[in-house]
Amino acid sequence: MKEYHIRKAVPEDAEGIADVHINSWKTTYKGIVSDDYLDSLNVEERKVRWEGILSGPHQTYVCVLDTGKIAGFVSIGRERDKQYEGELYAIYLLKENQRTGIGSAIFRFAMAELKAQGHSNMLVWVLKENPSKHFYYQFRPEIVKEQKISIGGNEYDEEGLLFGL
């Protein structure tokens, strides 16, 4: 098992988070989202976006391997539509770190953080076609919403999964 720790992200983590964000999109959504869109994703551009996010108030946490490399990250907060309480905005893990227990650890960490903030539930949006969506089912969610999302000019179906905390 890989050695790692989870901590709050700092602005210096922007490049590592961007790398995880872009590369996990390219592996997870290959064959679902258009290749043109995936090929257009750029680590440098995403790094700038993450520098801005991490410079302000945020709830983004990184999972850092004992080598110092960021293996994955999670971003949480209040549910955007105010229909539920907490929301997991993003959770991404590099492909080589999947199926090692790290994803479950980051997910449980996010749930515990939201619970500690007084939330009793957490919403997660997942693409219906995402092959990794079954990861979430081990935590026994309820499908409470569905919506369309536009990515690269194409429409995709998303499911809103609700987890009790």
Protein backbone atom coordinates (compact mmCIF):
# COMPACT_ATOMS: atom_id res chain seq x y z
CA MET A 1 0.00 0.00 0.00
CA LYS A 2 1.21 3.48 -0.84
CA GLU A 3 2.12 5.84 1.99
CA TYR A 4 0.32 9.18 1.86
CA HIS A 5 -1.22 11.96 3.90
CA ILE A 6 -4.12 14.33 3.28
CA ARG A 7 -3.79 18.04 4.00
CA LYS A 8 -5.34 21.36 3.04
CA ALA A 9 -4.04 22.57 -0.32
CA VAL A 10 -1.81 25.64 -0.50
CA PRO A 11 -1.13 27.87 -3.54
CA GLU A 12 2.14 26.02 -4.22
CA ASP A 13 0.04 22.89 -4.90
CA ALA A 14 -1.63 24.47 -7.94
CA GLU A 15 0.58 22.77 -10.52
CA GLY A 16 0.24 19.32 -8.92
CA ILE A 17 -3.53 19.72 -8.64
CA ALA A 18 -3.74 20.88 -12.26
CA ASP A 19 -1.73 17.86 -13.36
CA VAL A 20 -4.06 15.48 -11.51
CA HIS A 21 -7.14 17.35 -12.75
CA ILE A 22 -6.18 17.28 -16.44
CA ASN A 23 -4.65 13.81 -16.56
CA SER A 24 -7.50 12.17 -14.66
CA TRP A 25 -9.98 13.78 -17.07
CA LYS A 26 -7.99 12.41 -20.01
CA THR A 27 -8.00 8.86 -18.66
CA THR A 28 -11.45 8.77 -17.05
CA TYR A 29 -13.43 10.45 -19.82
CA LYS A 30 -11.60 8.95 -22.84
CA GLY A 31 -14.28 7.54 -25.13
CA ILE A 32 -17.01 9.55 -23.38
CA VAL A 33 -16.02 13.19 -23.88
CA SER A 34 -14.75 14.16 -27.34
CA ASP A 35 -11.04 13.65 -28.00
CA ASP A 36 -10.85 17.21 -29.32
CA TYR A 37 -12.04 18.56 -25.98
CA LEU A 38 -9.74 16.30 -23.96
CA ASP A 39 -6.78 17.22 -26.19
CA SER A 40 -7.52 20.90 -25.60
CA LEU A 41 -7.12 20.59 -21.82
CA ASN A 42 -3.95 22.30 -20.70
CA VAL A 43 -2.11 21.90 -17.37
CA GLU A 44 -0.66 25.42 -17.49
CA GLU A 45 -4.08 27.03 -17.98
CA ARG A 46 -5.59 24.90 -15.22
CA LYS A 47 -2.65 25.76 -12.94
CA VAL A 48 -3.51 29.46 -13.25
CA ARG A 49 -7.14 28.70 -12.36
CA TRP A 50 -6.06 26.67 -9.32
CA GLU A 51 -3.66 29.39 -8.17
CA GLY A 52 -6.64 31.75 -8.05
CA ILE A 53 -8.81 29.26 -6.17
CA LEU A 54 -6.10 28.41 -3.65
CA SER A 55 -5.29 32.07 -3.02
CA GLY A 56 -8.74 32.70 -1.52
CA PRO A 57 -10.96 30.90 0.95
CA HIS A 58 -11.30 27.30 -0.19
CA GLN A 59 -11.86 23.76 0.99
CA THR A 60 -9.56 21.85 -1.31
CA TYR A 61 -7.44 19.07 0.12
CA VAL A 62 -4.61 17.13 -1.48
CA CYS A 63 -3.44 13.59 -0.99
CA VAL A 64 0.36 13.67 -1.05
CA LEU A 65 2.43 10.51 -1.49
CA ASP A 66 5.53 10.00 0.63
CA THR A 67 7.49 10.94 -2.52
CA GLY A 68 5.98 14.44 -2.32
CA LYS A 69 3.86 13.94 -5.45
CA ILE A 70 0.17 14.84 -5.36
CA ALA A 71 -1.80 11.66 -6.02
CA GLY A 72 -5.25 13.23 -5.92
CA PHE A 73 -7.42 15.96 -4.51
CA VAL A 74 -10.91 16.74 -3.28
CA SER A 75 -12.82 20.02 -3.14
CA ILE A 76 -15.91 20.44 -0.95
CA GLY A 77 -18.29 23.08 0.39
CA ARG A 78 -21.93 24.09 0.70
CA GLU A 79 -24.26 22.62 -1.88
CA ARG A 80 -24.57 25.18 -4.65
CA ASP A 81 -28.35 25.04 -5.17
CA LYS A 82 -29.03 25.13 -1.41
CA GLN A 83 -31.38 22.16 -1.77
CA TYR A 84 -29.04 19.96 0.25
CA GLU A 85 -26.28 20.81 2.72
CA GLY A 86 -22.79 19.79 1.62
CA GLU A 87 -21.36 19.10 -1.80
CA LEU A 88 -18.31 17.34 -3.11
CA TYR A 89 -17.39 19.64 -6.01
CA ALA A 90 -14.47 17.62 -7.33
CA ILE A 91 -12.54 14.47 -6.53
CA TYR A 92 -9.77 13.32 -8.84
CA LEU A 93 -7.05 10.73 -8.60
CA LEU A 94 -4.30 9.85 -11.05
CA LYS A 95 -4.97 6.52 -12.75
CA GLU A 96 -1.89 4.87 -11.22
CA ASN A 97 -3.26 5.62 -7.74
CA GLN A 98 -6.73 4.19 -8.37
CA ARG A 99 -7.68 0.92 -6.68
CA THR A 100 -5.09 1.49 -3.92
CA GLY A 101 -7.46 2.72 -1.20
CA ILE A 102 -6.45 6.36 -1.69
CA GLY A 103 -9.71 7.32 -3.42
CA SER A 104 -11.79 5.86 -0.59
CA ALA A 105 -9.60 7.64 1.97
CA ILE A 106 -10.03 11.01 0.23
CA PHE A 107 -13.78 10.45 -0.12
CA ARG A 108 -14.17 9.53 3.55
CA PHE A 109 -12.04 12.54 4.49
CA ALA A 110 -14.41 14.82 2.54
CA MET A 111 -17.44 13.28 4.25
CA ALA A 112 -15.86 13.71 7.69
CA GLU A 113 -14.92 17.35 6.97
CA LEU A 114 -18.46 18.22 5.90
CA LYS A 115 -19.93 16.39 8.89
CA ALA A 116 -17.57 18.28 11.23
CA GLN A 117 -18.93 21.51 9.71
CA GLY A 118 -22.44 20.47 10.73
CA HIS A 119 -23.70 19.08 7.42
CA SER A 120 -25.84 15.94 7.47
CA ASN A 121 -25.59 15.12 3.76
CA MET A 122 -23.36 15.54 0.72
CA LEU A 123 -24.32 15.81 -2.95
CA VAL A 124 -22.00 14.55 -5.71
CA TRP A 125 -22.60 15.02 -9.44
CA VAL A 126 -21.28 12.23 -11.66
CA LEU A 127 -21.53 11.65 -15.41
CA LYS A 128 -23.84 8.70 -16.08
CA GLU A 129 -21.31 7.31 -18.55
CA ASN A 130 -18.35 7.66 -16.15
CA PRO A 131 -16.97 4.13 -15.72
CA SER A 132 -15.70 5.09 -12.26
CA LYS A 133 -19.15 6.09 -10.97
CA HIS A 134 -19.57 2.66 -9.38
CA PHE A 135 -16.86 3.70 -6.91
CA TYR A 136 -19.48 5.89 -5.23
CA TYR A 137 -22.03 3.10 -4.89
CA GLN A 138 -20.01 1.38 -2.16
CA PHE A 139 -20.97 4.35 0.05
CA ARG A 140 -24.71 3.72 -0.59
CA PRO A 141 -25.94 6.96 -2.16
CA GLU A 142 -29.44 7.78 -3.24
CA ILE A 143 -29.89 9.13 -6.79
CA VAL A 144 -31.83 12.35 -6.10
CA LYS A 145 -31.35 14.47 -9.24
CA GLU A 146 -30.52 14.29 -12.91
CA GLN A 147 -29.41 17.06 -15.22
CA LYS A 148 -27.73 17.75 -18.53
CA ILE A 149 -24.26 19.30 -18.61
CA SER A 150 -22.43 20.79 -21.56
CA ILE A 151 -18.78 19.83 -22.04
CA GLY A 152 -16.95 21.00 -25.13
CA GLY A 153 -20.22 21.81 -26.88
CA ASN A 154 -21.74 18.37 -26.29
CA GLU A 155 -24.50 17.43 -23.84
CA TYR A 156 -24.04 14.73 -21.21
CA ASP A 157 -26.31 13.28 -18.53
CA GLU A 158 -25.32 13.64 -14.88
CA GLU A 159 -26.70 11.98 -11.78
CA GLY A 160 -26.86 13.72 -8.43
CA LEU A 161 -25.92 11.24 -5.72
CA LEU A 162 -26.82 12.07 -2.12
CA PHE A 163 -24.87 10.60 0.78
CA GLY A 164 -25.85 10.73 4.44
CA LEU A 165 -23.07 11.88 6.75
